[in-house]
Every structure is written in structure tokens, then in C-alpha cells.
């Protein structure tokens, strides 16, 4: 678990071992995470600047008053959700460019056979024809 300070130190469960990672390791383990966070911050900043431009047209504009009103929980959540929706739509359009998605698309296309032709047992890995091992209960 990343940034373990936010998690209880006495987490335990029978049969489960919990290891805490050093802080700030998520971006090293999940490189796309950096891009997502950077994109989210950029979109959030752009939305805030658009709000400032809209309010800038008012003559009785005070930035302090804007930030006091903006700190209301619902306004912050609405702004974050609009940023998230924009980011989600963009990533959905570009998901075919992700390496794992390209691999899965190629596997799906190569495995499209008629039910009569596809008589091999299910396999987790390409080329493997043995069924998965049974899991003891």
C-alpha cells in the first residue's frame, strides 16, 4: 500500500500478509498514474481559470470571496467531477493506444473461430492447451 501513513499499522487478517511500500512509489510502479494525475491537475486548473474568466467580467469581483465560496464542498466536488468526466472520455477514446489493450485486441482477433473449430480447452495463456489447475477448497 502506498503512503502507508494513511493506513492503520495493525492491519492483519488470517492468511493475508500486508506489506507497506515506501512513500511516493506508486508513480514508479504505475507509470500511467503520473500522466493521469498530471492531466487531472491540468484540467482542474483550466476549469478554475475558466471560472475566473467568467467572474472577471463582473465589476464587484473579489478573489478572496470567490475562494471562500469555492471551498464549499459541493462546488469542489462538482468541479472535480467535471474534470474527471473529461479525462475519462479522453482516455476511453485513446484506450486502443495502450500497450495492454493493443495486445488483447490482437489476441481477440486471432482467437475468433467458429464453435466447431474451437475445440481446445480453455487456456489462460496463448498456446497453452491444458486446463487451469484445480484450487483446493
N, C-alpha and C. Protein backbone atom coordinates (compact mmCIF):
# COMPACT_ATOMS: atom_id res chain seq x y z
N UNK A 1 0.85 -1.18 0.00
CA UNK A 1 0.00 0.00 0.00
C UNK A 1 0.89 1.23 0.00
N UNK A 2 0.56 2.19 -0.84
CA UNK A 2 1.38 3.38 -0.98
C UNK A 2 1.02 4.39 0.10
N UNK A 3 2.00 5.20 0.49
CA UNK A 3 1.82 6.24 1.51
C UNK A 3 1.15 5.66 2.75
N UNK A 4 1.84 4.77 3.40
CA UNK A 4 1.26 3.98 4.49
C UNK A 4 0.85 4.79 5.71
N UNK A 5 1.23 6.05 5.79
CA UNK A 5 0.83 6.84 6.95
C UNK A 5 -0.69 6.95 7.06
N UNK A 6 -1.39 6.85 5.96
CA UNK A 6 -2.84 6.95 5.98
C UNK A 6 -3.53 5.65 6.35
N UNK A 7 -2.76 4.59 6.57
CA UNK A 7 -3.33 3.28 6.88
C UNK A 7 -2.96 2.86 8.29
N UNK A 8 -3.80 2.10 8.90
CA UNK A 8 -3.53 1.60 10.24
C UNK A 8 -2.32 0.68 10.23
N UNK A 9 -1.48 0.78 11.25
CA UNK A 9 -0.27 -0.04 11.32
C UNK A 9 -0.57 -1.46 11.76
N UNK A 10 -1.72 -1.70 12.36
CA UNK A 10 -2.03 -3.03 12.87
C UNK A 10 -3.07 -3.76 12.01
N UNK A 11 -2.96 -3.60 10.70
CA UNK A 11 -3.86 -4.32 9.80
C UNK A 11 -3.42 -5.77 9.71
N UNK A 12 -4.32 -6.68 9.94
CA UNK A 12 -4.00 -8.09 9.80
C UNK A 12 -5.27 -8.87 9.52
N UNK A 13 -5.07 -9.99 8.87
CA UNK A 13 -6.17 -10.89 8.57
C UNK A 13 -5.57 -12.26 8.41
N UNK A 14 -6.27 -13.26 8.86
CA UNK A 14 -5.77 -14.62 8.78
C UNK A 14 -5.50 -15.00 7.32
N UNK A 15 -4.28 -15.41 7.04
CA UNK A 15 -3.90 -15.84 5.70
C UNK A 15 -3.53 -14.71 4.77
N UNK A 16 -3.47 -13.47 5.26
CA UNK A 16 -3.12 -12.33 4.41
C UNK A 16 -1.95 -11.59 5.03
N UNK A 17 -0.94 -11.32 4.21
CA UNK A 17 0.21 -10.54 4.66
C UNK A 17 0.14 -9.18 3.98
N UNK A 18 0.18 -8.11 4.76
CA UNK A 18 0.11 -6.77 4.22
C UNK A 18 1.48 -6.14 4.34
N UNK A 19 2.04 -5.73 3.20
CA UNK A 19 3.33 -5.06 3.17
C UNK A 19 3.10 -3.62 2.74
N UNK A 20 3.70 -2.70 3.46
CA UNK A 20 3.58 -1.30 3.12
C UNK A 20 4.76 -0.89 2.26
N UNK A 21 4.48 -0.18 1.17
CA UNK A 21 5.53 0.33 0.31
C UNK A 21 6.03 1.66 0.86
N UNK A 22 7.27 2.01 0.55
CA UNK A 22 7.74 3.34 0.95
C UNK A 22 6.90 4.42 0.28
N UNK A 23 6.81 5.60 0.89
CA UNK A 23 6.01 6.67 0.29
C UNK A 23 6.49 7.03 -1.12
N UNK A 24 5.61 7.53 -1.92
CA UNK A 24 5.88 8.03 -3.27
C UNK A 24 6.45 6.94 -4.18
N UNK A 25 5.95 5.74 -4.10
CA UNK A 25 6.40 4.69 -5.01
C UNK A 25 5.35 4.32 -6.04
N UNK A 26 4.15 4.81 -5.88
CA UNK A 26 3.10 4.46 -6.83
C UNK A 26 3.47 4.89 -8.24
N UNK A 27 4.04 6.10 -8.38
CA UNK A 27 4.37 6.59 -9.71
C UNK A 27 5.47 5.76 -10.36
N UNK A 28 6.32 5.12 -9.55
CA UNK A 28 7.36 4.25 -10.12
C UNK A 28 6.77 2.92 -10.55
N UNK A 29 5.79 2.42 -9.79
CA UNK A 29 5.19 1.13 -10.11
C UNK A 29 4.10 1.24 -11.17
N UNK A 30 3.46 2.39 -11.22
CA UNK A 30 2.37 2.61 -12.17
C UNK A 30 2.66 3.88 -12.96
N UNK A 31 3.46 3.79 -14.04
CA UNK A 31 3.86 4.99 -14.76
C UNK A 31 2.69 5.79 -15.32
N UNK A 32 1.60 5.13 -15.68
CA UNK A 32 0.47 5.87 -16.24
C UNK A 32 -0.17 6.75 -15.17
N UNK A 33 0.01 6.39 -13.90
CA UNK A 33 -0.55 7.17 -12.81
C UNK A 33 -0.06 8.61 -12.87
N UNK A 34 1.24 8.81 -13.20
CA UNK A 34 1.78 10.16 -13.30
C UNK A 34 1.04 10.96 -14.37
N UNK A 35 0.81 10.33 -15.51
CA UNK A 35 0.13 11.03 -16.60
C UNK A 35 -1.31 11.36 -16.22
N UNK A 36 -1.98 10.45 -15.55
CA UNK A 36 -3.37 10.70 -15.15
C UNK A 36 -3.44 11.85 -14.15
N UNK A 37 -2.54 11.85 -13.17
CA UNK A 37 -2.55 12.92 -12.17
C UNK A 37 -2.22 14.25 -12.83
N UNK A 38 -1.22 14.26 -13.72
CA UNK A 38 -0.84 15.49 -14.41
C UNK A 38 -2.01 16.00 -15.25
N UNK A 39 -2.68 15.11 -15.96
CA UNK A 39 -3.82 15.52 -16.79
C UNK A 39 -4.97 16.04 -15.93
N UNK A 40 -5.23 15.36 -14.79
CA UNK A 40 -6.30 15.80 -13.90
C UNK A 40 -6.00 17.20 -13.36
N UNK A 41 -4.76 17.44 -12.92
CA UNK A 41 -4.39 18.75 -12.39
C UNK A 41 -4.51 19.83 -13.47
N UNK A 42 -4.09 19.51 -14.70
CA UNK A 42 -4.17 20.49 -15.78
C UNK A 42 -5.62 20.83 -16.10
N UNK A 43 -6.48 19.83 -16.18
CA UNK A 43 -7.90 20.08 -16.46
C UNK A 43 -8.57 20.85 -15.32
N UNK A 44 -8.22 20.51 -14.08
CA UNK A 44 -8.80 21.19 -12.93
C UNK A 44 -8.38 22.66 -12.94
N UNK A 45 -7.09 22.92 -13.24
CA UNK A 45 -6.60 24.29 -13.30
C UNK A 45 -7.30 25.06 -14.42
N UNK A 46 -7.48 24.40 -15.58
CA UNK A 46 -8.16 25.06 -16.70
C UNK A 46 -9.60 25.39 -16.32
N UNK A 47 -10.29 24.49 -15.64
CA UNK A 47 -11.67 24.76 -15.22
C UNK A 47 -11.71 25.93 -14.25
N UNK A 48 -10.73 26.00 -13.34
CA UNK A 48 -10.68 27.13 -12.39
C UNK A 48 -10.45 28.44 -13.14
N UNK A 49 -9.54 28.42 -14.13
CA UNK A 49 -9.27 29.64 -14.88
C UNK A 49 -10.49 30.08 -15.69
N UNK A 50 -11.25 29.13 -16.21
CA UNK A 50 -12.49 29.48 -16.92
C UNK A 50 -13.49 30.12 -15.96
N UNK A 51 -13.52 29.63 -14.72
CA UNK A 51 -14.39 30.22 -13.71
C UNK A 51 -13.94 31.65 -13.41
N UNK A 52 -12.63 31.86 -13.32
CA UNK A 52 -12.10 33.20 -13.06
C UNK A 52 -12.44 34.14 -14.22
N UNK A 53 -12.32 33.66 -15.45
CA UNK A 53 -12.65 34.50 -16.60
C UNK A 53 -14.12 34.90 -16.58
N UNK A 54 -14.99 33.97 -16.22
CA UNK A 54 -16.42 34.27 -16.16
C UNK A 54 -16.71 35.30 -15.08
N UNK A 55 -16.03 35.18 -13.96
CA UNK A 55 -16.28 36.11 -12.85
C UNK A 55 -15.56 37.43 -13.08
N UNK A 56 -14.48 37.42 -13.86
CA UNK A 56 -13.70 38.62 -14.12
C UNK A 56 -14.51 39.69 -14.83
N UNK A 57 -15.55 39.28 -15.52
CA UNK A 57 -16.40 40.24 -16.22
C UNK A 57 -17.26 41.05 -15.25
N UNK A 58 -17.40 40.56 -14.03
CA UNK A 58 -18.16 41.31 -13.02
C UNK A 58 -17.31 42.47 -12.51
N UNK A 59 -17.97 43.57 -12.14
CA UNK A 59 -17.23 44.73 -11.66
C UNK A 59 -16.94 44.63 -10.17
N UNK A 60 -17.77 43.94 -9.41
CA UNK A 60 -17.56 43.80 -7.96
C UNK A 60 -16.87 42.48 -7.65
N UNK A 61 -15.83 42.18 -8.37
CA UNK A 61 -15.15 40.89 -8.22
C UNK A 61 -14.06 40.98 -7.15
N UNK A 62 -14.09 40.00 -6.22
CA UNK A 62 -13.03 39.87 -5.22
C UNK A 62 -12.60 38.42 -5.18
N UNK A 63 -11.31 38.18 -5.41
CA UNK A 63 -10.79 36.82 -5.47
C UNK A 63 -10.99 36.09 -4.14
N UNK A 64 -10.83 36.82 -3.04
CA UNK A 64 -11.00 36.19 -1.73
C UNK A 64 -12.42 35.66 -1.56
N UNK A 65 -13.38 36.42 -1.99
CA UNK A 65 -14.77 35.97 -1.91
C UNK A 65 -15.03 34.76 -2.79
N UNK A 66 -14.40 34.74 -3.96
CA UNK A 66 -14.55 33.59 -4.85
C UNK A 66 -14.01 32.33 -4.18
N UNK A 67 -12.81 32.41 -3.60
CA UNK A 67 -12.22 31.22 -2.98
C UNK A 67 -13.00 30.77 -1.76
N UNK A 68 -13.59 31.72 -1.02
CA UNK A 68 -14.42 31.32 0.12
C UNK A 68 -15.64 30.53 -0.35
N UNK A 69 -16.26 30.98 -1.43
CA UNK A 69 -17.40 30.26 -1.98
C UNK A 69 -16.99 28.96 -2.65
N UNK A 70 -15.81 28.96 -3.27
CA UNK A 70 -15.35 27.78 -3.99
C UNK A 70 -14.99 26.64 -3.03
N UNK A 71 -14.63 26.97 -1.82
CA UNK A 71 -14.25 25.95 -0.85
C UNK A 71 -15.43 25.15 -0.33
N UNK A 72 -16.61 25.57 -0.65
CA UNK A 72 -17.78 24.80 -0.25
C UNK A 72 -17.66 23.43 -0.90
N UNK A 73 -17.90 22.42 -0.13
CA UNK A 73 -17.64 21.05 -0.55
C UNK A 73 -18.30 20.69 -1.87
N UNK A 74 -19.55 21.04 -2.03
CA UNK A 74 -20.27 20.64 -3.25
C UNK A 74 -19.67 21.29 -4.49
N UNK A 75 -19.23 22.54 -4.40
CA UNK A 75 -18.62 23.20 -5.55
C UNK A 75 -17.31 22.51 -5.93
N UNK A 76 -16.53 22.15 -4.94
CA UNK A 76 -15.26 21.48 -5.22
C UNK A 76 -15.50 20.11 -5.85
N UNK A 77 -16.48 19.38 -5.34
CA UNK A 77 -16.79 18.06 -5.90
C UNK A 77 -17.31 18.19 -7.33
N UNK A 78 -18.19 19.15 -7.59
CA UNK A 78 -18.70 19.35 -8.95
C UNK A 78 -17.58 19.66 -9.93
N UNK A 79 -16.66 20.52 -9.51
CA UNK A 79 -15.55 20.88 -10.38
C UNK A 79 -14.65 19.68 -10.65
N UNK A 80 -14.36 18.91 -9.60
CA UNK A 80 -13.52 17.72 -9.77
C UNK A 80 -14.20 16.68 -10.64
N UNK A 81 -15.51 16.50 -10.49
CA UNK A 81 -16.22 15.51 -11.29
C UNK A 81 -16.28 15.90 -12.76
N UNK A 82 -16.44 17.18 -13.05
CA UNK A 82 -16.43 17.59 -14.46
C UNK A 82 -15.06 17.36 -15.07
N UNK A 83 -14.01 17.58 -14.28
CA UNK A 83 -12.65 17.29 -14.74
C UNK A 83 -12.48 15.80 -14.96
N UNK A 84 -12.97 14.99 -14.04
CA UNK A 84 -12.85 13.53 -14.16
C UNK A 84 -13.59 13.02 -15.39
N UNK A 85 -14.79 13.55 -15.64
CA UNK A 85 -15.57 13.10 -16.80
C UNK A 85 -14.84 13.42 -18.10
N UNK A 86 -14.26 14.62 -18.19
CA UNK A 86 -13.50 14.98 -19.38
C UNK A 86 -12.32 14.05 -19.57
N UNK A 87 -11.60 13.78 -18.49
CA UNK A 87 -10.44 12.89 -18.55
C UNK A 87 -10.85 11.47 -18.91
N UNK A 88 -11.95 11.00 -18.35
CA UNK A 88 -12.43 9.64 -18.63
C UNK A 88 -12.81 9.48 -20.10
N UNK A 89 -13.50 10.47 -20.65
CA UNK A 89 -13.90 10.40 -22.06
C UNK A 89 -12.67 10.39 -22.95
N UNK A 90 -11.68 11.23 -22.62
CA UNK A 90 -10.45 11.26 -23.42
C UNK A 90 -9.71 9.94 -23.35
N UNK A 91 -9.59 9.36 -22.16
CA UNK A 91 -8.87 8.09 -22.02
C UNK A 91 -9.64 6.96 -22.70
N UNK A 92 -10.96 7.02 -22.68
CA UNK A 92 -11.75 5.98 -23.34
C UNK A 92 -11.51 6.01 -24.85
N UNK A 93 -11.37 7.21 -25.42
CA UNK A 93 -11.10 7.32 -26.85
C UNK A 93 -9.71 6.81 -27.19
N UNK A 94 -8.76 6.93 -26.27
CA UNK A 94 -7.37 6.56 -26.56
C UNK A 94 -6.97 5.22 -25.99
N UNK A 95 -7.88 4.45 -25.44
CA UNK A 95 -7.50 3.20 -24.80
C UNK A 95 -6.91 2.19 -25.77
N UNK A 96 -7.23 2.31 -27.05
CA UNK A 96 -6.65 1.38 -28.02
C UNK A 96 -5.16 1.63 -28.21
N UNK A 97 -4.66 2.77 -27.76
CA UNK A 97 -3.24 3.08 -27.88
C UNK A 97 -2.42 2.53 -26.72
N UNK A 98 -3.07 2.04 -25.68
CA UNK A 98 -2.35 1.49 -24.55
C UNK A 98 -1.79 0.13 -24.92
N UNK A 99 -0.55 -0.20 -24.52
CA UNK A 99 0.07 -1.47 -24.93
C UNK A 99 -0.75 -2.70 -24.57
N UNK A 100 -1.30 -2.79 -23.38
CA UNK A 100 -2.05 -3.99 -22.98
C UNK A 100 -3.32 -4.13 -23.80
N UNK A 101 -3.96 -3.02 -24.13
CA UNK A 101 -5.17 -3.07 -24.93
C UNK A 101 -4.87 -3.53 -26.35
N UNK A 102 -3.74 -3.05 -26.91
CA UNK A 102 -3.37 -3.49 -28.25
C UNK A 102 -3.11 -4.99 -28.27
N UNK A 103 -2.45 -5.51 -27.22
CA UNK A 103 -2.17 -6.94 -27.13
C UNK A 103 -3.47 -7.73 -27.04
N UNK A 104 -4.38 -7.29 -26.18
CA UNK A 104 -5.65 -8.01 -26.02
C UNK A 104 -6.48 -7.98 -27.30
N UNK A 105 -6.43 -6.88 -28.04
CA UNK A 105 -7.17 -6.79 -29.29
C UNK A 105 -6.62 -7.79 -30.30
N UNK A 106 -5.28 -7.91 -30.37
CA UNK A 106 -4.67 -8.86 -31.30
C UNK A 106 -5.03 -10.29 -30.93
N UNK A 107 -5.00 -10.61 -29.63
CA UNK A 107 -5.34 -11.96 -29.18
C UNK A 107 -6.80 -12.26 -29.49
N UNK A 108 -7.68 -11.29 -29.26
CA UNK A 108 -9.11 -11.49 -29.51
C UNK A 108 -9.36 -11.75 -30.99
N UNK A 109 -8.70 -10.99 -31.87
CA UNK A 109 -8.90 -11.17 -33.30
C UNK A 109 -8.36 -12.52 -33.77
N UNK A 110 -7.21 -12.95 -33.22
CA UNK A 110 -6.62 -14.21 -33.66
C UNK A 110 -7.39 -15.42 -33.13
N UNK A 111 -8.13 -15.26 -32.04
CA UNK A 111 -8.87 -16.37 -31.45
C UNK A 111 -10.32 -16.44 -31.91
N UNK A 112 -10.71 -15.63 -32.87
CA UNK A 112 -12.09 -15.67 -33.34
C UNK A 112 -12.25 -16.86 -34.29
N UNK A 113 -12.83 -17.92 -33.78
CA UNK A 113 -13.07 -19.12 -34.58
C UNK A 113 -14.51 -19.54 -34.38
N UNK A 114 -15.00 -20.35 -35.29
CA UNK A 114 -16.36 -20.84 -35.13
C UNK A 114 -16.39 -21.85 -34.00
N UNK A 115 -17.53 -22.07 -33.36
CA UNK A 115 -17.59 -23.02 -32.25
C UNK A 115 -17.13 -24.42 -32.62
N UNK A 116 -17.33 -24.84 -33.88
CA UNK A 116 -16.89 -26.17 -34.29
C UNK A 116 -15.37 -26.25 -34.34
N UNK A 117 -14.72 -25.15 -34.76
CA UNK A 117 -13.26 -25.14 -34.88
C UNK A 117 -12.60 -25.01 -33.52
N UNK A 118 -13.25 -24.36 -32.59
CA UNK A 118 -12.65 -24.06 -31.29
C UNK A 118 -12.96 -25.19 -30.32
N UNK A 119 -12.25 -26.32 -30.45
CA UNK A 119 -12.50 -27.46 -29.58
C UNK A 119 -11.44 -27.60 -28.50
N UNK A 120 -10.40 -26.74 -28.51
CA UNK A 120 -9.35 -26.84 -27.50
C UNK A 120 -9.90 -26.36 -26.17
N UNK A 121 -9.39 -26.93 -25.05
CA UNK A 121 -9.84 -26.47 -23.73
C UNK A 121 -9.42 -25.02 -23.49
N UNK A 122 -10.10 -24.39 -22.56
CA UNK A 122 -9.79 -23.00 -22.20
C UNK A 122 -8.36 -22.89 -21.70
N UNK A 123 -7.67 -21.81 -22.05
CA UNK A 123 -6.32 -21.60 -21.53
C UNK A 123 -6.16 -20.15 -21.12
N UNK A 124 -5.33 -19.93 -20.11
CA UNK A 124 -5.05 -18.58 -19.65
C UNK A 124 -4.00 -17.91 -20.51
N UNK A 125 -3.12 -18.67 -21.11
CA UNK A 125 -2.01 -18.14 -21.88
C UNK A 125 -2.11 -18.61 -23.32
N UNK A 126 -1.73 -17.77 -24.30
CA UNK A 126 -1.78 -18.18 -25.70
C UNK A 126 -0.88 -19.40 -25.94
N UNK A 127 -1.38 -20.38 -26.65
CA UNK A 127 -0.60 -21.57 -26.96
C UNK A 127 -0.72 -22.68 -25.93
N UNK A 128 -1.26 -22.40 -24.77
CA UNK A 128 -1.40 -23.40 -23.71
C UNK A 128 -2.75 -24.09 -23.89
N UNK A 129 -2.74 -25.43 -23.89
CA UNK A 129 -4.00 -26.15 -24.11
C UNK A 129 -4.43 -26.94 -22.89
N UNK A 130 -3.69 -26.86 -21.81
CA UNK A 130 -4.08 -27.61 -20.61
C UNK A 130 -5.02 -26.77 -19.78
N UNK A 131 -5.98 -27.39 -19.13
CA UNK A 131 -6.90 -26.61 -18.28
C UNK A 131 -6.17 -26.10 -17.05
N UNK A 132 -6.68 -25.03 -16.43
CA UNK A 132 -6.04 -24.50 -15.23
C UNK A 132 -6.12 -25.51 -14.10
N UNK A 133 -5.16 -25.46 -13.16
CA UNK A 133 -5.19 -26.40 -12.04
C UNK A 133 -6.38 -26.14 -11.13
N UNK A 134 -6.85 -27.18 -10.50
CA UNK A 134 -7.96 -27.06 -9.55
C UNK A 134 -7.47 -26.37 -8.28
N UNK A 135 -8.29 -25.52 -7.72
CA UNK A 135 -7.95 -24.83 -6.49
C UNK A 135 -8.58 -25.60 -5.34
N UNK A 136 -7.76 -26.04 -4.35
CA UNK A 136 -8.34 -26.78 -3.22
C UNK A 136 -9.20 -25.87 -2.37
N UNK A 137 -10.26 -26.39 -1.85
CA UNK A 137 -11.18 -25.59 -1.01
C UNK A 137 -10.80 -25.66 0.44
